[in-house]
């Protein structure tokens, strides 16, 4: 025997609730297109609404040797790739675009050829400059270097020096011999040999930069500065000769770091900053640190000491 169900007055029966649910669902279905249209309208208004300009934030400064090595390799490969692209673009302009410009009226042909040559020559340089400019926050670490004098911290050279590769290949493309034919221009028979000869100076420059190029080294014995000019000898100074009080704090537009030794008869050591890719404040702080603290000089050139130095200097100067 089923138990009677008790309902409150005014409560709908199950059959009435089912009918009401169907009515409510049909009402939602009738209003759904209007809701979708209004949502789409709101999204479109949000998309076209003016927003405050967000300044371009460069990547954070590099604080590890591995990241610094990867970034420098990226710059060099980018410079080589853009240089090869510039070389090819100049050849394309000479072989195909120049004959096309000859068939145009004089004023239009000269303007077209001038614009094409400027794009082929300045385009790769502009792309490389934009790439380097994006990483304008100078690193706050050194490279790990090993040489005949033992382990050391090497200050990386500026990636702007690699722009010389792009500029050289742009100029070298104009030296490739071309022969005039009935249809326009073509590569001369000795173009391959000329291209090889043009690459040899670039290879020699790269070998010189790796072996005897400009360099600043922090060694356990002291500081070594090899200038950019190949005719000037390298300058060295020991940590004991460096007076800690005479290590200045470089300013924002400082072009060189003048280090005065503790001996009055010894001339000051000039460390140029224009071709170095490191924070000048970090470099000066590292030199001052080892001039004051002799206990950590023996660890210069090891990954553990570089990690300790970076943490000590960047932790105390987070506003750099």
Protein backbone atom coordinates (compact mmCIF):
# COMPACT_ATOMS: atom_id res chain seq x y z
CA UNK A 1 0.00 0.00 0.00
CA UNK A 2 1.58 3.26 -1.17
CA UNK A 3 1.94 6.07 1.24
CA UNK A 4 0.11 9.29 0.37
CA UNK A 5 2.31 12.19 -0.56
CA UNK A 6 1.75 15.47 1.18
CA UNK A 7 2.14 18.69 -0.80
CA UNK A 8 2.09 22.21 0.41
CA UNK A 9 -0.67 24.40 -0.83
CA UNK A 10 0.20 25.89 -4.20
CA UNK A 11 2.99 23.36 -4.90
CA UNK A 12 2.95 22.07 -8.49
CA UNK A 13 2.55 18.42 -9.28
CA UNK A 14 5.36 16.51 -11.05
CA UNK A 15 3.45 16.72 -14.31
CA UNK A 16 3.03 20.47 -13.90
CA UNK A 17 6.74 20.85 -13.01
CA UNK A 18 7.76 19.01 -16.17
CA UNK A 19 5.58 21.28 -18.30
CA UNK A 20 6.97 24.37 -16.59
CA UNK A 21 10.53 23.15 -17.21
CA UNK A 22 9.76 22.67 -20.88
CA UNK A 23 8.30 26.15 -21.07
CA UNK A 24 11.35 27.68 -19.35
CA UNK A 25 13.74 25.78 -21.64
CA UNK A 26 11.89 26.93 -24.72
CA UNK A 27 12.04 30.53 -23.41
CA UNK A 28 15.83 30.23 -22.95
CA UNK A 29 16.15 28.79 -26.44
CA UNK A 30 14.19 31.74 -27.87
CA UNK A 31 16.48 34.23 -26.09
CA UNK A 32 19.79 32.40 -26.78
CA UNK A 33 20.46 34.04 -30.19
CA UNK A 34 19.98 37.45 -28.65
CA UNK A 35 22.40 36.55 -25.85
CA UNK A 36 25.02 35.31 -28.32
CA UNK A 37 24.70 38.45 -30.41
CA UNK A 38 25.09 40.64 -27.37
CA UNK A 39 28.12 38.66 -26.20
CA UNK A 40 29.69 38.94 -29.64
CA UNK A 41 28.98 42.67 -29.64
CA UNK A 42 30.62 43.02 -26.23
CA UNK A 43 33.68 41.09 -27.37
CA UNK A 44 33.99 43.28 -30.46
CA UNK A 45 33.74 46.45 -28.37
CA UNK A 46 36.41 45.16 -26.03
CA UNK A 47 38.66 44.31 -28.98
CA UNK A 48 38.45 47.74 -30.60
CA UNK A 49 38.44 49.74 -27.38
CA UNK A 50 41.59 51.89 -26.97
CA UNK A 51 44.04 50.59 -24.42
CA UNK A 52 46.95 52.34 -22.75
CA UNK A 53 50.25 51.70 -24.49
CA UNK A 54 52.40 49.12 -22.71
CA UNK A 55 56.10 49.98 -22.98
CA UNK A 56 58.31 47.31 -24.53
CA UNK A 57 60.06 45.49 -21.75
CA UNK A 58 63.47 44.07 -22.72
CA UNK A 59 64.50 40.65 -21.42
CA UNK A 60 66.03 40.60 -17.96
CA UNK A 61 69.77 40.94 -17.56
CA UNK A 62 71.79 37.74 -17.89
CA UNK A 63 73.25 36.49 -14.61
CA UNK A 64 74.62 33.02 -15.54
CA UNK A 65 77.62 32.07 -17.66
CA UNK A 66 75.68 29.42 -19.60
CA UNK A 67 72.97 31.89 -20.63
CA UNK A 68 75.62 34.45 -21.56
CA UNK A 69 77.44 31.93 -23.76
CA UNK A 70 74.21 30.97 -25.52
CA UNK A 71 73.28 34.60 -26.13
CA UNK A 72 76.70 35.42 -27.59
CA UNK A 73 76.51 32.39 -29.87
CA UNK A 74 73.05 33.52 -30.94
CA UNK A 75 74.42 36.96 -31.86
CA UNK A 76 77.28 35.51 -33.88
CA UNK A 77 75.12 33.06 -35.79
CA UNK A 78 72.58 35.80 -36.44
CA UNK A 79 75.31 38.10 -37.78
CA UNK A 80 76.65 35.34 -40.05
CA UNK A 81 73.18 34.44 -41.35
CA UNK A 82 72.27 38.08 -42.01
CA UNK A 83 75.63 38.66 -43.68
CA UNK A 84 75.06 35.73 -46.03
CA UNK A 85 71.53 37.01 -46.70
CA UNK A 86 72.90 40.48 -47.48
CA UNK A 87 75.46 38.94 -49.83
CA UNK A 88 72.73 37.02 -51.65
CA UNK A 89 70.42 40.02 -51.83
CA UNK A 90 73.13 42.14 -53.42
CA UNK A 91 73.71 39.43 -56.05
CA UNK A 92 69.96 39.24 -56.71
CA UNK A 93 69.81 43.02 -57.16
CA UNK A 94 72.72 42.96 -59.61
CA UNK A 95 71.59 39.93 -61.63
CA UNK A 96 67.82 40.31 -61.83
CA UNK A 97 66.62 43.66 -60.54
CA UNK A 98 69.17 45.79 -62.39
CA UNK A 99 68.15 44.50 -65.88
CA UNK A 100 64.52 45.10 -64.94
CA UNK A 101 65.33 48.66 -63.85
CA UNK A 102 67.04 49.32 -67.21
CA UNK A 103 63.75 48.75 -69.02
CA UNK A 104 61.96 51.39 -66.94
CA UNK A 105 62.02 55.11 -67.64
CA UNK A 106 65.21 56.72 -66.43
CA UNK A 107 63.83 58.39 -63.29
CA UNK A 108 61.76 55.35 -62.24
CA UNK A 109 64.60 52.94 -62.98
CA UNK A 110 67.12 54.88 -60.92
CA UNK A 111 64.67 55.22 -58.01
CA UNK A 112 63.76 51.52 -58.13
CA UNK A 113 67.39 50.41 -58.24
CA UNK A 114 68.33 52.79 -55.43
CA UNK A 115 65.55 51.52 -53.16
CA UNK A 116 66.37 47.87 -53.93
CA UNK A 117 70.07 48.41 -53.20
CA UNK A 118 69.32 50.19 -49.93
CA UNK A 119 67.00 47.39 -48.79
CA UNK A 120 69.56 44.73 -49.70
CA UNK A 121 72.39 46.58 -47.94
CA UNK A 122 70.71 48.24 -44.97
CA UNK A 123 67.97 45.69 -44.28
CA UNK A 124 70.21 42.98 -42.73
CA UNK A 125 72.11 45.59 -40.73
CA UNK A 126 68.86 47.03 -39.40
CA UNK A 127 67.62 43.56 -38.39
CA UNK A 128 70.87 42.81 -36.57
CA UNK A 129 70.77 46.17 -34.81
CA UNK A 130 67.17 45.54 -33.70
CA UNK A 131 68.15 42.12 -32.37
CA UNK A 132 71.05 43.50 -30.34
CA UNK A 133 69.07 46.54 -29.23
CA UNK A 134 66.34 44.32 -27.81
CA UNK A 135 68.85 42.88 -25.31
CA UNK A 136 70.00 46.27 -24.10
CA UNK A 137 70.21 45.23 -20.46
CA UNK A 138 73.88 44.46 -19.97
CA UNK A 139 74.86 41.12 -18.40
CA UNK A 140 75.89 40.90 -14.78
CA UNK A 141 78.20 37.94 -15.00
CA UNK A 142 81.37 36.75 -16.74
CA UNK A 143 82.42 33.91 -19.00
CA UNK A 144 84.53 31.01 -17.79
CA UNK A 145 87.82 31.09 -19.72
CA UNK A 146 90.83 28.79 -19.67
CA UNK A 147 94.13 29.65 -21.29
CA UNK A 148 97.84 29.35 -20.86
CA UNK A 149 97.65 31.38 -17.66
CA UNK A 150 95.06 29.09 -16.08
CA UNK A 151 91.35 29.60 -15.35
CA UNK A 152 89.94 33.11 -15.42
CA UNK A 153 86.78 35.18 -15.73
CA UNK A 154 86.49 36.67 -19.22
CA UNK A 155 84.49 39.82 -19.84
CA UNK A 156 82.48 39.29 -23.06
CA UNK A 157 83.01 41.67 -25.95
CA UNK A 158 80.15 43.71 -27.32
CA UNK A 159 77.92 41.98 -29.92
CA UNK A 160 78.01 45.23 -31.91
CA UNK A 161 81.46 44.14 -33.10
CA UNK A 162 79.77 41.31 -35.01
CA UNK A 163 78.00 43.90 -37.15
CA UNK A 164 81.31 44.22 -39.00
CA UNK A 165 80.66 40.76 -40.46
CA UNK A 166 77.35 41.91 -41.95
CA UNK A 167 78.86 45.14 -43.27
CA UNK A 168 81.83 43.32 -44.80
CA UNK A 169 79.64 40.80 -46.65
CA UNK A 170 77.47 43.66 -47.94
CA UNK A 171 80.55 45.31 -49.41
CA UNK A 172 82.04 42.02 -50.62
CA UNK A 173 78.96 41.25 -52.70
CA UNK A 174 79.68 44.32 -54.82
CA UNK A 175 83.16 42.93 -55.64
CA UNK A 176 81.91 39.72 -57.26
CA UNK A 177 82.68 40.02 -61.02
CA UNK A 178 79.71 40.04 -63.40
CA UNK A 179 79.57 39.76 -67.20
CA UNK A 180 77.06 41.56 -69.38
CA UNK A 181 75.03 39.23 -71.61
CA UNK A 182 72.26 39.70 -74.17
CA UNK A 183 69.62 39.21 -71.50
CA UNK A 184 71.31 41.19 -68.73
CA UNK A 185 74.06 40.22 -66.28
CA UNK A 186 75.55 36.88 -65.28
CA UNK A 187 78.25 35.68 -62.91
CA UNK A 188 81.70 35.74 -64.43
CA UNK A 189 83.75 32.59 -64.86
CA UNK A 190 86.05 33.47 -61.98
CA UNK A 191 83.23 34.50 -59.64
CA UNK A 192 83.68 31.39 -57.47
CA UNK A 193 87.39 32.00 -56.92
CA UNK A 194 86.74 35.65 -56.14
CA UNK A 195 84.09 34.71 -53.58
CA UNK A 196 86.57 32.38 -51.85
CA UNK A 197 89.19 35.12 -51.76
CA UNK A 198 86.65 37.51 -50.29
CA UNK A 199 85.84 35.05 -47.49
CA UNK A 200 89.49 34.58 -46.47
CA UNK A 201 89.81 38.01 -44.76
CA UNK A 202 86.65 37.26 -42.79
CA UNK A 203 88.07 33.92 -41.63
CA UNK A 204 91.35 35.62 -40.71
CA UNK A 205 89.50 38.27 -38.72
CA UNK A 206 87.57 35.60 -36.82
CA UNK A 207 90.77 33.68 -36.03
CA UNK A 208 92.47 36.86 -34.83
CA UNK A 209 89.50 37.76 -32.64
CA UNK A 210 89.56 34.33 -31.00
CA UNK A 211 93.33 34.17 -30.50
CA UNK A 212 94.53 37.74 -30.04
CA UNK A 213 91.39 39.86 -30.05
CA UNK A 214 90.39 42.43 -27.44
CA UNK A 215 89.86 40.92 -24.05
CA UNK A 216 89.56 41.68 -20.36
CA UNK A 217 90.42 38.84 -17.98
CA UNK A 218 90.11 38.53 -14.21
CA UNK A 219 92.69 35.97 -13.10
CA UNK A 220 93.76 34.78 -9.65
CA UNK A 221 96.88 36.93 -10.04
CA UNK A 222 95.25 40.14 -11.23
CA UNK A 223 93.58 41.95 -14.12
CA UNK A 224 94.61 41.69 -17.78
CA UNK A 225 93.41 44.14 -20.45
CA UNK A 226 94.10 43.46 -24.13
CA UNK A 227 93.12 46.59 -26.08
CA UNK A 228 91.14 46.71 -29.30
CA UNK A 229 94.08 48.11 -31.25
CA UNK A 230 96.33 45.22 -32.37
CA UNK A 231 99.47 47.33 -32.10
CA UNK A 232 99.18 47.99 -28.36
CA UNK A 233 100.42 45.36 -25.91
CA UNK A 234 98.28 43.85 -23.18
CA UNK A 235 98.34 45.55 -19.79
CA UNK A 236 98.32 43.67 -16.51
CA UNK A 237 98.05 44.70 -12.89
CA UNK A 238 98.03 42.55 -9.76
CA UNK A 239 95.28 42.64 -7.17
CA UNK A 240 97.71 43.82 -4.53
CA UNK A 241 98.65 46.83 -6.66
CA UNK A 242 95.03 47.86 -7.10
CA UNK A 243 93.93 50.28 -4.43
CA UNK A 244 90.33 49.48 -3.53
CA UNK A 245 89.58 53.10 -2.77
CA UNK A 246 90.63 54.06 -6.29
CA UNK A 247 88.16 51.78 -8.10
CA UNK A 248 85.53 54.30 -9.20
CA UNK A 249 81.83 53.72 -9.68
CA UNK A 250 81.22 54.29 -13.41
CA UNK A 251 78.50 56.65 -14.46
CA UNK A 252 75.79 56.07 -17.01
CA UNK A 253 77.78 57.52 -19.91
CA UNK A 254 81.19 56.38 -18.73
CA UNK A 255 83.37 55.23 -21.65
CA UNK A 256 86.31 53.78 -19.72
CA UNK A 257 87.18 52.64 -16.24
CA UNK A 258 90.37 54.23 -14.89
CA UNK A 259 92.02 52.06 -12.25
CA UNK A 260 94.77 53.70 -10.22
CA UNK A 261 97.29 51.42 -8.57
CA UNK A 262 98.71 51.76 -5.11
CA UNK A 263 102.13 52.66 -6.47
CA UNK A 264 102.52 56.34 -7.37
CA UNK A 265 105.07 55.61 -10.12
CA UNK A 266 102.77 53.12 -11.90
CA UNK A 267 100.44 54.71 -14.48
CA UNK A 268 96.70 54.01 -14.14
CA UNK A 269 95.12 51.15 -16.04
CA UNK A 270 92.45 52.16 -18.57
CA UNK A 271 89.69 49.60 -19.13
CA UNK A 272 87.57 50.63 -22.16
CA UNK A 273 83.87 49.97 -21.72
CA UNK A 274 82.63 50.74 -25.23
CA UNK A 275 83.47 47.31 -26.65
CA UNK A 276 82.60 45.28 -23.54
CA UNK A 277 79.21 43.66 -23.04
CA UNK A 278 78.87 43.76 -19.27
CA UNK A 279 77.36 46.09 -16.74
CA UNK A 280 80.06 48.66 -15.91
CA UNK A 281 78.83 48.82 -12.32
CA UNK A 282 79.08 45.03 -12.01
CA UNK A 283 82.60 45.01 -13.49
CA UNK A 284 83.79 47.76 -11.16
CA UNK A 285 82.19 46.03 -8.18
CA UNK A 286 83.90 42.73 -9.07
CA UNK A 287 87.30 44.43 -9.36
CA UNK A 288 86.75 46.24 -6.07
CA UNK A 289 85.63 42.98 -4.45
CA UNK A 290 88.81 41.08 -5.33
CA UNK A 291 91.02 44.07 -4.55
CA UNK A 292 89.59 44.10 -1.02
CA UNK A 293 89.10 40.38 -0.40
CA UNK A 294 92.16 38.23 -1.03
CA UNK A 295 90.50 35.07 0.31
CA UNK A 296 88.42 34.48 -2.83
CA UNK A 297 91.06 35.25 -5.46
CA UNK A 298 92.21 31.63 -5.69
CA UNK A 299 88.75 30.54 -6.85
CA UNK A 300 88.62 32.92 -9.83
CA UNK A 301 87.83 30.97 -12.97
CA UNK A 302 85.72 28.26 -11.31
CA UNK A 303 81.95 27.93 -11.70
CA UNK A 304 81.42 27.90 -7.92
CA UNK A 305 83.26 31.19 -7.44
CA UNK A 306 81.40 32.82 -10.33
CA UNK A 307 78.09 31.74 -8.84
CA UNK A 308 79.10 33.11 -5.42
CA UNK A 309 80.34 36.40 -6.90
CA UNK A 310 77.21 36.94 -8.99
CA UNK A 311 74.91 36.24 -6.05
CA UNK A 312 76.93 38.50 -3.76
CA UNK A 313 77.05 41.47 -6.12
CA UNK A 314 73.58 41.27 -7.68
CA UNK A 315 71.98 40.49 -4.32
CA UNK A 316 73.43 43.64 -2.82
CA UNK A 317 72.55 45.78 -5.84
CA UNK A 318 69.11 44.71 -7.04
CA UNK A 319 68.43 48.12 -8.51
CA UNK A 320 71.01 47.74 -11.28
